[in-house]
Amino acid sequence: MCGRGFKPTRCTVSKRAYRPARSFNDIVASGYVHDLPVKPLPQKVLRQSLRQLGAWAPQYAEEQEANGTLIPSFIRRCIELADIPLKDFQPCDLRVMLGQQIAPEYLVPLALTFLEICPELESEFHKYDLLAFTVDQKSAFWRKNPDLTEKMEAILDGIIDRRRKEYMALKRWKAPIIRAKVAAAKQQSKVGVS
C-alpha cells in the first residue's frame, strides 16, 4: 500500500540487526515480537479491520464521495485503511491514521510495537516520523492508558540515553580537532608577533 515511500532504517535489537518490517505480520513472522515485553493486541483483534471493530466508520467522507464531492487523497487513503486488517498495517499506514487521531486505542499499541524495535523508524517522511505522530495523540488518551504511556516513556527515555551517549562520543571526537585549531591559532599568533 505505501511501499513506495518506505525506507528501512538500520536498527539494532537484542544483539541482532533488524530491518523494519513492512507490517505487524512480518514482525510476528520474524520472531522479533518475542523480544518485546508485552504483545500489543489479541490475535482476534489483529485479524479485524477498524470498520469491523466499530472503531471508525468514515460515513461523512463516503457520503461526500457518493455526492460527487472531491475529497482529499489522505482522507481517501484513510477510508481504504479502515477496511484493512490491523495485522497488515504498515508503519506508514499507522502514521496516516494516527496523524488523523483515528482509533488510537487500537493503533497506538501497534505503533509502539514498531517503535520498541526501532524508535527512529522512518515510515515515509523522515526519521522519527512514526514516533512524532504516535506521541502527538491527545493527552486524554495517554491519561486513560497508563500502560501505553509507560511504554512510550520508556521508548523516549531510550532515545534520550542513546542521544546523550552519541553526543558525548561526538564531543570526544571533536576535542582533538579543537585542540589542533587552538594550537594552530597560537602558532600563528607567535609567527605574527615575531
Foldseek 3Di string as FASTA:
>chain_A
DPVVQFDWDWDDDPNDIDTQDFFLLVCVVVVVCVVDPDQLDDPVQQQFFQVVVVQDDPVVVVVCVVVVHDDDPLVVLLNVRRGHRRRNHGLLNLLSCLLVVGRLVRSLSRLLSSCVRPCQGDGGDGGNSSVVSSVPHDVVVCVVPVVSVVSNVVSVVVVVVVVVVVVVVVVVVCVVVVVVVVVVVVVVVVVVVD
